[in-house]
PDB file of N, CA and C in Angstrom:
ATOM      1  N   UNK A   1     -49.353   0.638  43.796  1.00  0.00           N
ATOM      2  CA  UNK A   1     -50.228   1.517  42.933  1.00  0.00           C
ATOM      3  C   UNK A   1     -49.381   2.087  41.773  1.00  0.00           C
ATOM      4  N   UNK A   2     -49.951   3.135  41.235  1.00  0.00           N
ATOM      5  CA  UNK A   2     -49.328   3.844  40.066  1.00  0.00           C
ATOM      6  C   UNK A   2     -47.927   4.326  40.441  1.00  0.00           C
ATOM      7  N   UNK A   3     -47.701   4.804  41.653  1.00  0.00           N
ATOM      8  CA  UNK A   3     -46.355   5.311  42.044  1.00  0.00           C
ATOM      9  C   UNK A   3     -45.318   4.172  41.996  1.00  0.00           C
ATOM     10  N   UNK A   4     -45.727   3.011  42.465  1.00  0.00           N
ATOM     11  CA  UNK A   4     -44.843   1.916  42.451  1.00  0.00           C
ATOM     12  C   UNK A   4     -44.495   1.418  40.990  1.00  0.00           C
ATOM     13  N   UNK A   5     -45.520   1.454  40.137  1.00  0.00           N
ATOM     14  CA  UNK A   5     -45.248   1.174  38.707  1.00  0.00           C
ATOM     15  C   UNK A   5     -44.268   2.146  38.038  1.00  0.00           C
ATOM     16  N   UNK A   6     -44.526   3.367  38.396  1.00  0.00           N
ATOM     17  CA  UNK A   6     -43.742   4.446  37.869  1.00  0.00           C
ATOM     18  C   UNK A   6     -42.231   4.263  38.312  1.00  0.00           C
ATOM     19  N   UNK A   7     -42.003   3.949  39.631  1.00  0.00           N
ATOM     20  CA  UNK A   7     -40.637   3.721  40.199  1.00  0.00           C
ATOM     21  C   UNK A   7     -39.998   2.470  39.399  1.00  0.00           C
ATOM     22  N   UNK A   8     -40.794   1.521  39.221  1.00  0.00           N
ATOM     23  CA  UNK A   8     -40.225   0.236  38.501  1.00  0.00           C
ATOM     24  C   UNK A   8     -39.809   0.646  37.092  1.00  0.00           C
ATOM     25  N   UNK A   9     -40.612   1.438  36.394  1.00  0.00           N
ATOM     26  CA  UNK A   9     -40.359   1.879  35.061  1.00  0.00           C
ATOM     27  C   UNK A   9     -39.052   2.762  35.023  1.00  0.00           C
ATOM     28  N   UNK A  10     -38.887   3.607  35.989  1.00  0.00           N
ATOM     29  CA  UNK A  10     -37.712   4.505  36.104  1.00  0.00           C
ATOM     30  C   UNK A  10     -36.528   3.595  36.283  1.00  0.00           C
ATOM     31  N   UNK A  11     -36.590   2.643  37.169  1.00  0.00           N
ATOM     32  CA  UNK A  11     -35.552   1.693  37.542  1.00  0.00           C
ATOM     33  C   UNK A  11     -35.069   0.950  36.297  1.00  0.00           C
ATOM     34  N   UNK A  12     -36.129   0.400  35.521  1.00  0.00           N
ATOM     35  CA  UNK A  12     -35.820  -0.301  34.293  1.00  0.00           C
ATOM     36  C   UNK A  12     -35.040   0.528  33.301  1.00  0.00           C
ATOM     37  N   UNK A  13     -35.573   1.786  33.160  1.00  0.00           N
ATOM     38  CA  UNK A  13     -34.978   2.765  32.201  1.00  0.00           C
ATOM     39  C   UNK A  13     -33.515   3.012  32.627  1.00  0.00           C
ATOM     40  N   UNK A  14     -33.333   3.219  33.905  1.00  0.00           N
ATOM     41  CA  UNK A  14     -31.901   3.537  34.366  1.00  0.00           C
ATOM     42  C   UNK A  14     -31.004   2.326  34.080  1.00  0.00           C
ATOM     43  N   UNK A  15     -31.442   1.074  34.291  1.00  0.00           N
ATOM     44  CA  UNK A  15     -30.595  -0.016  34.041  1.00  0.00           C
ATOM     45  C   UNK A  15     -30.341  -0.146  32.554  1.00  0.00           C
ATOM     46  N   UNK A  16     -31.379   0.058  31.703  1.00  0.00           N
ATOM     47  CA  UNK A  16     -31.141   0.041  30.325  1.00  0.00           C
ATOM     48  C   UNK A  16     -30.108   1.101  29.857  1.00  0.00           C
ATOM     49  N   UNK A  17     -30.232   2.273  30.386  1.00  0.00           N
ATOM     50  CA  UNK A  17     -29.296   3.389  30.139  1.00  0.00           C
ATOM     51  C   UNK A  17     -27.859   2.986  30.460  1.00  0.00           C
ATOM     52  N   UNK A  18     -27.671   2.336  31.658  1.00  0.00           N
ATOM     53  CA  UNK A  18     -26.363   1.828  32.071  1.00  0.00           C
ATOM     54  C   UNK A  18     -25.821   0.849  31.078  1.00  0.00           C
ATOM     55  N   UNK A  19     -26.726  -0.029  30.646  1.00  0.00           N
ATOM     56  CA  UNK A  19     -26.318  -1.074  29.723  1.00  0.00           C
ATOM     57  C   UNK A  19     -25.850  -0.485  28.372  1.00  0.00           C
ATOM     58  N   UNK A  20     -26.683   0.467  27.859  1.00  0.00           N
ATOM     59  CA  UNK A  20     -26.248   1.179  26.663  1.00  0.00           C
ATOM     60  C   UNK A  20     -24.966   1.918  26.742  1.00  0.00           C
ATOM     61  N   UNK A  21     -24.833   2.604  27.941  1.00  0.00           N
ATOM     62  CA  UNK A  21     -23.564   3.395  28.117  1.00  0.00           C
ATOM     63  C   UNK A  21     -22.364   2.419  28.109  1.00  0.00           C
ATOM     64  N   UNK A  22     -22.498   1.320  28.705  1.00  0.00           N
ATOM     65  CA  UNK A  22     -21.417   0.317  28.792  1.00  0.00           C
ATOM     66  C   UNK A  22     -21.059  -0.209  27.409  1.00  0.00           C
ATOM     67  N   UNK A  23     -22.106  -0.490  26.601  1.00  0.00           N
ATOM     68  CA  UNK A  23     -21.849  -0.976  25.246  1.00  0.00           C
ATOM     69  C   UNK A  23     -21.271   0.087  24.352  1.00  0.00           C
ATOM     70  N   UNK A  24     -21.795   1.354  24.509  1.00  0.00           N
ATOM     71  CA  UNK A  24     -21.154   2.407  23.724  1.00  0.00           C
ATOM     72  C   UNK A  24     -19.701   2.639  24.084  1.00  0.00           C
ATOM     73  N   UNK A  25     -19.310   2.474  25.291  1.00  0.00           N
ATOM     74  CA  UNK A  25     -17.934   2.677  25.783  1.00  0.00           C
ATOM     75  C   UNK A  25     -16.989   1.692  25.143  1.00  0.00           C
ATOM     76  N   UNK A  26     -17.531   0.486  24.747  1.00  0.00           N
ATOM     77  CA  UNK A  26     -16.777  -0.533  24.110  1.00  0.00           C
ATOM     78  C   UNK A  26     -16.532  -0.341  22.624  1.00  0.00           C
ATOM     79  N   UNK A  27     -17.397   0.471  21.957  1.00  0.00           N
ATOM     80  CA  UNK A  27     -17.184   0.791  20.528  1.00  0.00           C
ATOM     81  C   UNK A  27     -15.993   1.678  20.267  1.00  0.00           C
ATOM     82  N   UNK A  28     -15.306   1.359  19.133  1.00  0.00           N
ATOM     83  CA  UNK A  28     -14.132   2.269  18.826  1.00  0.00           C
ATOM     84  C   UNK A  28     -14.594   3.668  18.352  1.00  0.00           C
ATOM     85  N   UNK A  29     -13.837   4.671  18.783  1.00  0.00           N
ATOM     86  CA  UNK A  29     -14.303   5.976  18.257  1.00  0.00           C
ATOM     87  C   UNK A  29     -13.828   6.287  16.875  1.00  0.00           C
ATOM     88  N   UNK A  30     -14.377   7.267  16.277  1.00  0.00           N
ATOM     89  CA  UNK A  30     -13.968   7.652  14.891  1.00  0.00           C
ATOM     90  C   UNK A  30     -12.494   7.919  14.781  1.00  0.00           C
ATOM     91  N   UNK A  31     -11.957   8.491  15.892  1.00  0.00           N
ATOM     92  CA  UNK A  31     -10.500   8.806  15.952  1.00  0.00           C
ATOM     93  C   UNK A  31      -9.671   7.534  15.981  1.00  0.00           C
ATOM     94  N   UNK A  32     -10.088   6.537  16.704  1.00  0.00           N
ATOM     95  CA  UNK A  32      -9.450   5.232  16.708  1.00  0.00           C
ATOM     96  C   UNK A  32      -9.409   4.597  15.323  1.00  0.00           C
ATOM     97  N   UNK A  33     -10.611   4.610  14.605  1.00  0.00           N
ATOM     98  CA  UNK A  33     -10.686   4.083  13.355  1.00  0.00           C
ATOM     99  C   UNK A  33      -9.732   4.790  12.340  1.00  0.00           C
ATOM    100  N   UNK A  34      -9.819   6.186  12.412  1.00  0.00           N
ATOM    101  CA  UNK A  34      -8.959   7.002  11.547  1.00  0.00           C
ATOM    102  C   UNK A  34      -7.491   6.716  11.740  1.00  0.00           C
ATOM    103  N   UNK A  35      -7.087   6.615  13.052  1.00  0.00           N
ATOM    104  CA  UNK A  35      -5.682   6.260  13.333  1.00  0.00           C
ATOM    105  C   UNK A  35      -5.304   4.921  12.845  1.00  0.00           C
ATOM    106  N   UNK A  36      -6.123   3.938  12.983  1.00  0.00           N
ATOM    107  CA  UNK A  36      -5.848   2.499  12.442  1.00  0.00           C
ATOM    108  C   UNK A  36      -5.676   2.621  10.970  1.00  0.00           C
ATOM    109  N   UNK A  37      -6.622   3.312  10.240  1.00  0.00           N
ATOM    110  CA  UNK A  37      -6.486   3.448   8.760  1.00  0.00           C
ATOM    111  C   UNK A  37      -5.192   4.131   8.351  1.00  0.00           C
ATOM    112  N   UNK A  38      -4.882   5.119   9.038  1.00  0.00           N
ATOM    113  CA  UNK A  38      -3.697   5.908   8.797  1.00  0.00           C
ATOM    114  C   UNK A  38      -2.423   4.997   8.958  1.00  0.00           C
ATOM    115  N   UNK A  39      -2.373   4.264  10.076  1.00  0.00           N
ATOM    116  CA  UNK A  39      -1.215   3.295  10.241  1.00  0.00           C
ATOM    117  C   UNK A  39      -1.185   2.317   9.155  1.00  0.00           C
ATOM    118  N   UNK A  40      -2.336   1.757   8.768  1.00  0.00           N
ATOM    119  CA  UNK A  40      -2.441   0.753   7.665  1.00  0.00           C
ATOM    120  C   UNK A  40      -1.873   1.352   6.354  1.00  0.00           C
ATOM    121  N   UNK A  41      -2.307   2.520   6.051  1.00  0.00           N
ATOM    122  CA  UNK A  41      -1.928   3.234   4.737  1.00  0.00           C
ATOM    123  C   UNK A  41      -0.426   3.425   4.789  1.00  0.00           C
ATOM    124  N   UNK A  42       0.169   3.897   5.905  1.00  0.00           N
ATOM    125  CA  UNK A  42       1.564   4.154   5.934  1.00  0.00           C
ATOM    126  C   UNK A  42       2.356   2.892   5.821  1.00  0.00           C
ATOM    127  N   UNK A  43       1.815   1.789   6.453  1.00  0.00           N
ATOM    128  CA  UNK A  43       2.472   0.435   6.277  1.00  0.00           C
ATOM    129  C   UNK A  43       2.437   0.008   4.854  1.00  0.00           C
ATOM    130  N   UNK A  44       1.328   0.175   4.129  1.00  0.00           N
ATOM    131  CA  UNK A  44       1.267  -0.225   2.750  1.00  0.00           C
ATOM    132  C   UNK A  44       2.248   0.614   1.898  1.00  0.00           C
ATOM    133  N   UNK A  45       2.270   1.948   2.122  1.00  0.00           N
ATOM    134  CA  UNK A  45       3.169   2.822   1.349  1.00  0.00           C
ATOM    135  C   UNK A  45       4.589   2.453   1.580  1.00  0.00           C
ATOM    136  N   UNK A  46       4.934   2.071   2.867  1.00  0.00           N
ATOM    137  CA  UNK A  46       6.283   1.727   3.130  1.00  0.00           C
ATOM    138  C   UNK A  46       6.711   0.468   2.395  1.00  0.00           C
ATOM    139  N   UNK A  47       5.811  -0.550   2.475  1.00  0.00           N
ATOM    140  CA  UNK A  47       6.095  -1.864   1.825  1.00  0.00           C
ATOM    141  C   UNK A  47       6.137  -1.681   0.279  1.00  0.00           C
ATOM    142  N   UNK A  48       5.240  -0.867  -0.250  1.00  0.00           N
ATOM    143  CA  UNK A  48       5.284  -0.574  -1.686  1.00  0.00           C
ATOM    144  C   UNK A  48       6.590   0.106  -2.102  1.00  0.00           C
ATOM    145  N   UNK A  49       7.008   1.017  -1.211  1.00  0.00           N
ATOM    146  CA  UNK A  49       8.287   1.688  -1.524  1.00  0.00           C
ATOM    147  C   UNK A  49       9.413   0.765  -1.526  1.00  0.00           C
ATOM    148  N   UNK A  50       9.442  -0.186  -0.570  1.00  0.00           N
ATOM    149  CA  UNK A  50      10.552  -1.193  -0.538  1.00  0.00           C
ATOM    150  C   UNK A  50      10.532  -2.040  -1.757  1.00  0.00           C
ATOM    151  N   UNK A  51       9.367  -2.461  -2.114  1.00  0.00           N
ATOM    152  CA  UNK A  51       9.168  -3.324  -3.424  1.00  0.00           C
ATOM    153  C   UNK A  51       9.675  -2.594  -4.596  1.00  0.00           C
ATOM    154  N   UNK A  52       9.338  -1.271  -4.795  1.00  0.00           N
ATOM    155  CA  UNK A  52       9.701  -0.456  -5.895  1.00  0.00           C
ATOM    156  C   UNK A  52      11.193  -0.343  -5.875  1.00  0.00           C
ATOM    157  N   UNK A  53      11.774  -0.012  -4.686  1.00  0.00           N
ATOM    158  CA  UNK A  53      13.250   0.110  -4.563  1.00  0.00           C
ATOM    159  C   UNK A  53      13.984  -1.179  -5.043  1.00  0.00           C
ATOM    160  N   UNK A  54      13.499  -2.336  -4.631  1.00  0.00           N
ATOM    161  CA  UNK A  54      14.084  -3.584  -5.023  1.00  0.00           C
ATOM    162  C   UNK A  54      13.988  -3.806  -6.431  1.00  0.00           C
ATOM    163  N   UNK A  55      12.810  -3.462  -7.038  1.00  0.00           N
ATOM    164  CA  UNK A  55      12.634  -3.589  -8.502  1.00  0.00           C
ATOM    165  C   UNK A  55      13.548  -2.728  -9.255  1.00  0.00           C
ATOM    166  N   UNK A  56      13.687  -1.493  -8.854  1.00  0.00           N
ATOM    167  CA  UNK A  56      14.593  -0.581  -9.589  1.00  0.00           C
ATOM    168  C   UNK A  56      16.004  -1.029  -9.485  1.00  0.00           C
ATOM    169  N   UNK A  57      16.398  -1.534  -8.301  1.00  0.00           N
ATOM    170  CA  UNK A  57      17.783  -1.983  -8.131  1.00  0.00           C
ATOM    171  C   UNK A  57      18.020  -3.234  -9.034  1.00  0.00           C
ATOM    172  N   UNK A  58      17.054  -4.047  -9.172  1.00  0.00           N
ATOM    173  CA  UNK A  58      17.191  -5.295  -9.955  1.00  0.00           C
ATOM    174  C   UNK A  58      17.287  -4.867 -11.544  1.00  0.00           C
ATOM    175  N   UNK A  59      16.475  -3.884 -11.867  1.00  0.00           N
ATOM    176  CA  UNK A  59      16.520  -3.464 -13.325  1.00  0.00           C
ATOM    177  C   UNK A  59      17.868  -2.798 -13.584  1.00  0.00           C
ATOM    178  N   UNK A  60      18.285  -1.936 -12.649  1.00  0.00           N
ATOM    179  CA  UNK A  60      19.590  -1.212 -12.846  1.00  0.00           C
ATOM    180  C   UNK A  60      20.706  -2.301 -12.979  1.00  0.00           C
ATOM    181  N   UNK A  61      20.680  -3.326 -12.144  1.00  0.00           N
ATOM    182  CA  UNK A  61      21.655  -4.344 -12.131  1.00  0.00           C
ATOM    183  C   UNK A  61      21.658  -5.110 -13.464  1.00  0.00           C
ATOM    184  N   UNK A  62      20.480  -5.406 -13.997  1.00  0.00           N
ATOM    185  CA  UNK A  62      20.331  -6.146 -15.237  1.00  0.00           C
ATOM    186  C   UNK A  62      20.870  -5.249 -16.429  1.00  0.00           C
ATOM    187  N   UNK A  63      20.573  -3.907 -16.416  1.00  0.00           N
ATOM    188  CA  UNK A  63      21.064  -3.030 -17.407  1.00  0.00           C
ATOM    189  C   UNK A  63      22.523  -2.967 -17.407  1.00  0.00           C
ATOM    190  N   UNK A  64      23.118  -2.802 -16.143  1.00  0.00           N
ATOM    191  CA  UNK A  64      24.552  -2.679 -15.983  1.00  0.00           C
ATOM    192  C   UNK A  64      25.268  -3.895 -16.474  1.00  0.00           C
ATOM    193  N   UNK A  65      24.677  -5.081 -16.169  1.00  0.00           N
ATOM    194  CA  UNK A  65      25.284  -6.421 -16.554  1.00  0.00           C
ATOM    195  C   UNK A  65      25.216  -6.502 -18.138  1.00  0.00           C
ATOM    196  N   UNK A  66      24.102  -6.055 -18.672  1.00  0.00           N
ATOM    197  CA  UNK A  66      23.921  -6.105 -20.196  1.00  0.00           C
ATOM    198  C   UNK A  66      25.076  -5.138 -20.871  1.00  0.00           C
ATOM    199  N   UNK A  67      25.147  -3.954 -20.312  1.00  0.00           N
ATOM    200  CA  UNK A  67      26.178  -2.966 -20.791  1.00  0.00           C
ATOM    201  C   UNK A  67      27.594  -3.585 -20.688  1.00  0.00           C
ATOM    202  N   UNK A  68      27.840  -4.187 -19.530  1.00  0.00           N
ATOM    203  CA  UNK A  68      29.150  -4.784 -19.325  1.00  0.00           C
ATOM    204  C   UNK A  68      29.458  -5.935 -20.293  1.00  0.00           C
ATOM    205  N   UNK A  69      28.431  -6.720 -20.572  1.00  0.00           N
ATOM    206  CA  UNK A  69      28.501  -7.792 -21.645  1.00  0.00           C
ATOM    207  C   UNK A  69      28.723  -7.143 -23.004  1.00  0.00           C
ATOM    208  N   UNK A  70      28.104  -6.102 -23.298  1.00  0.00           N
ATOM    209  CA  UNK A  70      28.293  -5.427 -24.604  1.00  0.00           C
ATOM    210  C   UNK A  70      29.745  -4.973 -24.715  1.00  0.00           C
ATOM    211  N   UNK A  71      30.231  -4.280 -23.647  1.00  0.00           N
ATOM    212  CA  UNK A  71      31.525  -3.661 -23.679  1.00  0.00           C
ATOM    213  C   UNK A  71      32.646  -4.797 -23.740  1.00  0.00           C
ATOM    214  N   UNK A  72      32.326  -5.930 -23.193  1.00  0.00           N
ATOM    215  CA  UNK A  72      33.278  -7.095 -23.147  1.00  0.00           C
ATOM    216  C   UNK A  72      33.372  -7.821 -24.459  1.00  0.00           C
ATOM    217  N   UNK A  73      32.528  -7.427 -25.402  1.00  0.00           N
ATOM    218  CA  UNK A  73      32.568  -8.103 -26.762  1.00  0.00           C
ATOM    219  C   UNK A  73      32.877  -7.154 -27.791  1.00  0.00           C
ATOM    220  N   UNK A  74      34.092  -6.688 -27.815  1.00  0.00           N
ATOM    221  CA  UNK A  74      34.508  -5.666 -28.759  1.00  0.00           C
ATOM    222  C   UNK A  74      34.363  -6.063 -30.265  1.00  0.00           C
ATOM    223  N   UNK A  75      34.499  -7.395 -30.538  1.00  0.00           N
ATOM    224  CA  UNK A  75      34.530  -7.832 -31.867  1.00  0.00           C
ATOM    225  C   UNK A  75      33.051  -8.201 -32.352  1.00  0.00           C
ATOM    226  N   UNK A  76      32.039  -7.846 -31.536  1.00  0.00           N
ATOM    227  CA  UNK A  76      30.727  -8.280 -31.882  1.00  0.00           C
ATOM    228  C   UNK A  76      30.224  -7.585 -33.189  1.00  0.00           C
ATOM    229  N   UNK A  77      29.361  -8.189 -33.908  1.00  0.00           N
ATOM    230  CA  UNK A  77      28.826  -7.549 -35.119  1.00  0.00           C
ATOM    231  C   UNK A  77      27.882  -6.381 -34.786  1.00  0.00           C
ATOM    232  N   UNK A  78      27.745  -5.394 -35.606  1.00  0.00           N
ATOM    233  CA  UNK A  78      26.833  -4.306 -35.365  1.00  0.00           C
ATOM    234  C   UNK A  78      25.350  -4.868 -35.215  1.00  0.00           C
ATOM    235  N   UNK A  79      25.057  -5.819 -36.075  1.00  0.00           N
ATOM    236  CA  UNK A  79      23.663  -6.276 -35.998  1.00  0.00           C
ATOM    237  C   UNK A  79      23.256  -6.765 -34.578  1.00  0.00           C
ATOM    238  N   UNK A  80      24.160  -7.713 -34.064  1.00  0.00           N
ATOM    239  CA  UNK A  80      23.797  -8.176 -32.685  1.00  0.00           C
ATOM    240  C   UNK A  80      23.913  -7.086 -31.609  1.00  0.00           C
ATOM    241  N   UNK A  81      24.836  -6.129 -31.800  1.00  0.00           N
ATOM    242  CA  UNK A  81      24.921  -5.017 -30.886  1.00  0.00           C
ATOM    243  C   UNK A  81      23.639  -4.164 -30.931  1.00  0.00           C
ATOM    244  N   UNK A  82      23.070  -3.895 -32.124  1.00  0.00           N
ATOM    245  CA  UNK A  82      21.807  -3.222 -32.191  1.00  0.00           C
ATOM    246  C   UNK A  82      20.652  -3.976 -31.528  1.00  0.00           C
ATOM    247  N   UNK A  83      20.651  -5.273 -31.703  1.00  0.00           N
ATOM    248  CA  UNK A  83      19.651  -6.117 -31.087  1.00  0.00           C
ATOM    249  C   UNK A  83      19.720  -5.983 -29.635  1.00  0.00           C
ATOM    250  N   UNK A  84      20.882  -6.054 -29.021  1.00  0.00           N
ATOM    251  CA  UNK A  84      21.105  -5.894 -27.624  1.00  0.00           C
ATOM    252  C   UNK A  84      20.602  -4.544 -27.140  1.00  0.00           C
ATOM    253  N   UNK A  85      20.858  -3.461 -27.917  1.00  0.00           N
ATOM    254  CA  UNK A  85      20.496  -2.061 -27.592  1.00  0.00           C
ATOM    255  C   UNK A  85      18.896  -2.023 -27.516  1.00  0.00           C
ATOM    256  N   UNK A  86      18.279  -2.703 -28.473  1.00  0.00           N
ATOM    257  CA  UNK A  86      16.780  -2.734 -28.561  1.00  0.00           C
ATOM    258  C   UNK A  86      16.227  -3.406 -27.271  1.00  0.00           C
ATOM    259  N   UNK A  87      16.926  -4.511 -26.893  1.00  0.00           N
ATOM    260  CA  UNK A  87      16.428  -5.198 -25.609  1.00  0.00           C
ATOM    261  C   UNK A  87      16.546  -4.273 -24.415  1.00  0.00           C
ATOM    262  N   UNK A  88      17.682  -3.470 -24.359  1.00  0.00           N
ATOM    263  CA  UNK A  88      17.885  -2.546 -23.288  1.00  0.00           C
ATOM    264  C   UNK A  88      16.743  -1.498 -23.284  1.00  0.00           C
ATOM    265  N   UNK A  89      16.462  -1.011 -24.499  1.00  0.00           N
ATOM    266  CA  UNK A  89      15.445   0.032 -24.611  1.00  0.00           C
ATOM    267  C   UNK A  89      14.087  -0.493 -24.113  1.00  0.00           C
ATOM    268  N   UNK A  90      13.745  -1.772 -24.412  1.00  0.00           N
ATOM    269  CA  UNK A  90      12.516  -2.384 -23.944  1.00  0.00           C
ATOM    270  C   UNK A  90      12.536  -2.442 -22.412  1.00  0.00           C
ATOM    271  N   UNK A  91      13.656  -2.677 -21.780  1.00  0.00           N
ATOM    272  CA  UNK A  91      13.751  -2.684 -20.350  1.00  0.00           C
ATOM    273  C   UNK A  91      13.493  -1.296 -19.792  1.00  0.00           C
ATOM    274  N   UNK A  92      14.076  -0.340 -20.447  1.00  0.00           N
ATOM    275  CA  UNK A  92      13.873   1.105 -20.014  1.00  0.00           C
ATOM    276  C   UNK A  92      12.370   1.432 -20.072  1.00  0.00           C
ATOM    277  N   UNK A  93      11.715   1.072 -21.155  1.00  0.00           N
ATOM    278  CA  UNK A  93      10.288   1.360 -21.317  1.00  0.00           C
ATOM    279  C   UNK A  93       9.501   0.673 -20.223  1.00  0.00           C
ATOM    280  N   UNK A  94       9.928  -0.588 -19.920  1.00  0.00           N
ATOM    281  CA  UNK A  94       9.316  -1.363 -18.805  1.00  0.00           C
ATOM    282  C   UNK A  94       9.411  -0.556 -17.482  1.00  0.00           C
ATOM    283  N   UNK A  95      10.664  -0.011 -17.281  1.00  0.00           N
ATOM    284  CA  UNK A  95      11.007   0.737 -16.071  1.00  0.00           C
ATOM    285  C   UNK A  95      10.062   1.933 -15.932  1.00  0.00           C
ATOM    286  N   UNK A  96       9.808   2.651 -17.018  1.00  0.00           N
ATOM    287  CA  UNK A  96       8.927   3.816 -16.943  1.00  0.00           C
ATOM    288  C   UNK A  96       7.475   3.373 -16.762  1.00  0.00           C
ATOM    289  N   UNK A  97       7.111   2.250 -17.343  1.00  0.00           N
ATOM    290  CA  UNK A  97       5.771   1.605 -17.134  1.00  0.00           C
ATOM    291  C   UNK A  97       5.609   1.353 -15.611  1.00  0.00           C
ATOM    292  N   UNK A  98       6.680   0.768 -14.989  1.00  0.00           N
ATOM    293  CA  UNK A  98       6.575   0.456 -13.545  1.00  0.00           C
ATOM    294  C   UNK A  98       6.167   1.635 -12.709  1.00  0.00           C
ATOM    295  N   UNK A  99       6.760   2.753 -12.982  1.00  0.00           N
ATOM    296  CA  UNK A  99       6.466   3.966 -12.121  1.00  0.00           C
ATOM    297  C   UNK A  99       5.052   4.437 -12.430  1.00  0.00           C
ATOM    298  N   UNK A 100       4.577   4.179 -13.661  1.00  0.00           N
ATOM    299  CA  UNK A 100       3.176   4.608 -13.961  1.00  0.00           C
ATOM    300  C   UNK A 100       2.248   3.687 -13.243  1.00  0.00           C
ATOM    301  N   UNK A 101       2.562   2.405 -13.213  1.00  0.00           N
ATOM    302  CA  UNK A 101       1.684   1.376 -12.557  1.00  0.00           C
ATOM    303  C   UNK A 101       1.696   1.672 -11.057  1.00  0.00           C
ATOM    304  N   UNK A 102       2.839   2.002 -10.501  1.00  0.00           N
ATOM    305  CA  UNK A 102       2.960   2.278  -9.071  1.00  0.00           C
ATOM    306  C   UNK A 102       2.096   3.483  -8.674  1.00  0.00           C
ATOM    307  N   UNK A 103       2.182   4.511  -9.508  1.00  0.00           N
ATOM    308  CA  UNK A 103       1.434   5.751  -9.268  1.00  0.00           C
ATOM    309  C   UNK A 103      -0.114   5.405  -9.281  1.00  0.00           C
ATOM    310  N   UNK A 104      -0.521   4.506 -10.262  1.00  0.00           N
ATOM    311  CA  UNK A 104      -1.895   4.159 -10.265  1.00  0.00           C
ATOM    312  C   UNK A 104      -2.296   3.383  -8.975  1.00  0.00           C
ATOM    313  N   UNK A 105      -1.427   2.421  -8.610  1.00  0.00           N
ATOM    314  CA  UNK A 105      -1.715   1.653  -7.399  1.00  0.00           C
ATOM    315  C   UNK A 105      -1.784   2.463  -6.137  1.00  0.00           C
ATOM    316  N   UNK A 106      -0.909   3.478  -5.968  1.00  0.00           N
ATOM    317  CA  UNK A 106      -0.868   4.379  -4.831  1.00  0.00           C
ATOM    318  C   UNK A 106      -2.184   5.189  -4.858  1.00  0.00           C
ATOM    319  N   UNK A 107      -2.590   5.603  -6.086  1.00  0.00           N
ATOM    320  CA  UNK A 107      -3.906   6.312  -6.155  1.00  0.00           C
ATOM    321  C   UNK A 107      -5.095   5.580  -5.760  1.00  0.00           C
ATOM    322  N   UNK A 108      -5.008   4.229  -6.026  1.00  0.00           N
ATOM    323  CA  UNK A 108      -6.182   3.385  -5.632  1.00  0.00           C
ATOM    324  C   UNK A 108      -6.054   3.099  -4.112  1.00  0.00           C
ATOM    325  N   UNK A 109      -4.883   2.986  -3.566  1.00  0.00           N
ATOM    326  CA  UNK A 109      -4.751   2.808  -2.168  1.00  0.00           C
ATOM    327  C   UNK A 109      -5.323   4.006  -1.376  1.00  0.00           C
ATOM    328  N   UNK A 110      -5.015   5.189  -1.848  1.00  0.00           N
ATOM    329  CA  UNK A 110      -5.554   6.398  -1.235  1.00  0.00           C
ATOM    330  C   UNK A 110      -7.015   6.487  -1.509  1.00  0.00           C
TER     331      UNK A 110
END
């Protein structure tokens, strides 16, 4: 009768509820997602930092080598000396551009 139908409905609802509870327990929580995003961002920033460091080291090395070449050529004409200085200045400008680019990239990552 109606009591039996009611019991069957309650039993169905309970099993549905158990199924939903199980599925919900498998979903990641907001804290898990936040934590994963945080780790990912830290990893990106660390790798970016390493790349920037390597780039700065390379530029410094190139500038040092250029300066040493300049100093090693005492008899060089002023004209070629000035040309070399202009090249060095371009590299310095590039170096300041790099930090601006990096700041922009970091802003986009965040």
